[in-house]
C-alpha atoms as a PDB file:
ATOM      1  CA  UNK A   1    -164.096  77.306 112.235  1.00  0.00           C
ATOM      2  CA  UNK A   2    -167.617  77.790 110.807  1.00  0.00           C
ATOM      3  CA  UNK A   3    -167.173  81.567 110.447  1.00  0.00           C
ATOM      4  CA  UNK A   4    -163.947  81.221 108.446  1.00  0.00           C
ATOM      5  CA  UNK A   5    -165.530  78.626 106.169  1.00  0.00           C
ATOM      6  CA  UNK A   6    -168.529  80.904 105.553  1.00  0.00           C
ATOM      7  CA  UNK A   7    -166.228  83.844 104.787  1.00  0.00           C
ATOM      8  CA  UNK A   8    -164.216  81.795 102.306  1.00  0.00           C
ATOM      9  CA  UNK A   9    -167.388  80.615 100.567  1.00  0.00           C
ATOM     10  CA  UNK A  10    -168.547  84.215 100.248  1.00  0.00           C
ATOM     11  CA  UNK A  11    -165.176  85.277  98.824  1.00  0.00           C
ATOM     12  CA  UNK A  12    -165.274  82.478  96.226  1.00  0.00           C
ATOM     13  CA  UNK A  13    -168.829  83.438  95.296  1.00  0.00           C
ATOM     14  CA  UNK A  14    -167.907  87.103  94.834  1.00  0.00           C
ATOM     15  CA  UNK A  15    -164.820  86.265  92.769  1.00  0.00           C
ATOM     16  CA  UNK A  16    -166.832  83.903  90.541  1.00  0.00           C
ATOM     17  CA  UNK A  17    -169.508  86.530  89.996  1.00  0.00           C
ATOM     18  CA  UNK A  18    -166.817  89.078  89.099  1.00  0.00           C
ATOM     19  CA  UNK A  19    -165.236  86.733  86.547  1.00  0.00           C
ATOM     20  CA  UNK A  20    -168.612  85.976  84.943  1.00  0.00           C
ATOM     21  CA  UNK A  21    -169.443  89.682  84.794  1.00  0.00           C
ATOM     22  CA  UNK A  22    -166.126  90.480  83.097  1.00  0.00           C
ATOM     23  CA  UNK A  23    -166.653  87.744  80.488  1.00  0.00           C
ATOM     24  CA  UNK A  24    -170.151  89.002  79.681  1.00  0.00           C
ATOM     25  CA  UNK A  25    -168.895  92.569  79.413  1.00  0.00           C
ATOM     26  CA  UNK A  26    -166.044  91.583  77.051  1.00  0.00           C
ATOM     27  CA  UNK A  27    -168.465  89.591  74.889  1.00  0.00           C
ATOM     28  CA  UNK A  28    -170.888  92.534  74.705  1.00  0.00           C
ATOM     29  CA  UNK A  29    -168.111  94.980  73.813  1.00  0.00           C
ATOM     30  CA  UNK A  30    -166.927  92.679  71.017  1.00  0.00           C
ATOM     31  CA  UNK A  31    -170.484  92.336  69.698  1.00  0.00           C
ATOM     32  CA  UNK A  32    -171.068  96.085  69.771  1.00  0.00           C
ATOM     33  CA  UNK A  33    -167.724  96.741  68.078  1.00  0.00           C
ATOM     34  CA  UNK A  34    -168.745  94.319  65.323  1.00  0.00           C
ATOM     35  CA  UNK A  35    -171.913  96.397  64.858  1.00  0.00           C
ATOM     36  CA  UNK A  36    -169.796  99.535  64.477  1.00  0.00           C
ATOM     37  CA  UNK A  37    -170.925 101.225  67.689  1.00  0.00           C
ATOM     38  CA  UNK A  38    -168.508 103.460  69.616  1.00  0.00           C
ATOM     39  CA  UNK A  39    -166.806 101.901  72.635  1.00  0.00           C
ATOM     40  CA  UNK A  40    -168.916 101.973  75.788  1.00  0.00           C
ATOM     41  CA  UNK A  41    -172.265 102.413  74.061  1.00  0.00           C
ATOM     42  CA  UNK A  42    -174.999  99.823  73.838  1.00  0.00           C
ATOM     43  CA  UNK A  43    -177.299  99.351  70.853  1.00  0.00           C
ATOM     44  CA  UNK A  44    -180.657 101.137  71.178  1.00  0.00           C
ATOM     45  CA  UNK A  45    -183.467  99.233  72.838  1.00  0.00           C
ATOM     46  CA  UNK A  46    -186.654  99.083  70.728  1.00  0.00           C
ATOM     47  CA  UNK A  47    -189.317 101.382  72.130  1.00  0.00           C
ATOM     48  CA  UNK A  48    -186.853 103.600  73.991  1.00  0.00           C
ATOM     49  CA  UNK A  49    -185.478 106.930  72.887  1.00  0.00           C
ATOM     50  CA  UNK A  50    -181.724 106.743  72.251  1.00  0.00           C
ATOM     51  CA  UNK A  51    -179.542 108.217  74.959  1.00  0.00           C
ATOM     52  CA  UNK A  52    -177.736 111.418  73.967  1.00  0.00           C
ATOM     53  CA  UNK A  53    -174.066 111.042  73.161  1.00  0.00           C
ATOM     54  CA  UNK A  54    -171.746 112.332  75.890  1.00  0.00           C
ATOM     55  CA  UNK A  55    -169.986 114.728  73.550  1.00  0.00           C
ATOM     56  CA  UNK A  56    -173.162 116.202  72.066  1.00  0.00           C
ATOM     57  CA  UNK A  57    -173.727 119.865  72.832  1.00  0.00           C
ATOM     58  CA  UNK A  58    -177.026 121.566  73.131  1.00  0.00           C
ATOM     59  CA  UNK A  59    -177.799 124.938  71.664  1.00  0.00           C
ATOM     60  CA  UNK A  60    -176.634 126.660  68.507  1.00  0.00           C
ATOM     61  CA  UNK A  61    -173.026 126.625  67.381  1.00  0.00           C
ATOM     62  CA  UNK A  62    -171.044 129.767  68.177  1.00  0.00           C
ATOM     63  CA  UNK A  63    -171.182 132.370  65.425  1.00  0.00           C
ATOM     64  CA  UNK A  64    -168.115 132.940  63.280  1.00  0.00           C
ATOM     65  CA  UNK A  65    -166.572 136.388  63.741  1.00  0.00           C
ATOM     66  CA  UNK A  66    -167.136 138.694  60.806  1.00  0.00           C
ATOM     67  CA  UNK A  67    -164.364 139.515  58.345  1.00  0.00           C
ATOM     68  CA  UNK A  68    -164.187 143.050  59.730  1.00  0.00           C
ATOM     69  CA  UNK A  69    -163.762 141.706  63.291  1.00  0.00           C
ATOM     70  CA  UNK A  70    -161.010 139.337  62.166  1.00  0.00           C
ATOM     71  CA  UNK A  71    -159.161 142.089  60.290  1.00  0.00           C
ATOM     72  CA  UNK A  72    -159.493 144.456  63.258  1.00  0.00           C
ATOM     73  CA  UNK A  73    -158.071 141.829  65.608  1.00  0.00           C
ATOM     74  CA  UNK A  74    -155.234 141.103  63.174  1.00  0.00           C
ATOM     75  CA  UNK A  75    -154.462 144.830  62.931  1.00  0.00           C
ATOM     76  CA  UNK A  76    -154.356 145.072  66.720  1.00  0.00           C
ATOM     77  CA  UNK A  77    -151.911 142.146  66.842  1.00  0.00           C
ATOM     78  CA  UNK A  78    -149.676 143.847  64.280  1.00  0.00           C
ATOM     79  CA  UNK A  79    -149.814 147.145  66.188  1.00  0.00           C
ATOM     80  CA  UNK A  80    -148.862 145.317  69.384  1.00  0.00           C
ATOM     81  CA  UNK A  81    -145.898 143.720  67.615  1.00  0.00           C
ATOM     82  CA  UNK A  82    -147.205 140.167  67.992  1.00  0.00           C
ATOM     83  CA  UNK A  83    -147.190 139.506  64.226  1.00  0.00           C
ATOM     84  CA  UNK A  84    -144.780 140.814  61.618  1.00  0.00           C
ATOM     85  CA  UNK A  85    -145.839 142.753  58.525  1.00  0.00           C
ATOM     86  CA  UNK A  86    -145.306 139.669  56.342  1.00  0.00           C
ATOM     87  CA  UNK A  87    -147.458 137.527  58.669  1.00  0.00           C
ATOM     88  CA  UNK A  88    -150.076 140.257  58.714  1.00  0.00           C
ATOM     89  CA  UNK A  89    -150.263 140.368  54.911  1.00  0.00           C
ATOM     90  CA  UNK A  90    -150.505 136.582  54.556  1.00  0.00           C
ATOM     91  CA  UNK A  91    -153.214 136.287  57.234  1.00  0.00           C
ATOM     92  CA  UNK A  92    -155.108 139.228  55.743  1.00  0.00           C
ATOM     93  CA  UNK A  93    -155.091 137.521  52.344  1.00  0.00           C
ATOM     94  CA  UNK A  94    -156.325 134.277  53.974  1.00  0.00           C
ATOM     95  CA  UNK A  95    -159.189 136.094  55.731  1.00  0.00           C
ATOM     96  CA  UNK A  96    -160.213 137.982  52.601  1.00  0.00           C
ATOM     97  CA  UNK A  97    -160.106 134.789  50.520  1.00  0.00           C
ATOM     98  CA  UNK A  98    -162.696 133.291  52.808  1.00  0.00           C
END
């Protein structure tokens, strides 16, 4: 009987700890949301460098294709029959307009 009682005490302890943890987490999320921070991020700790955002990329942004490259690709699409002449003219005007 002692082993069952010990197991039940452990289960109650674990469940209580889980409930307390969930309450603290909800309270922190509400506090951070009130500060305007994105969900799942904590405010920076003084003296520590801020952690990089998960969606941040490193390195330079990819270069935009030149106007000549865009027009060449559009001409290839027209030659292949993917775009009609009217679509070609409207897209060409859009590319040339910038």
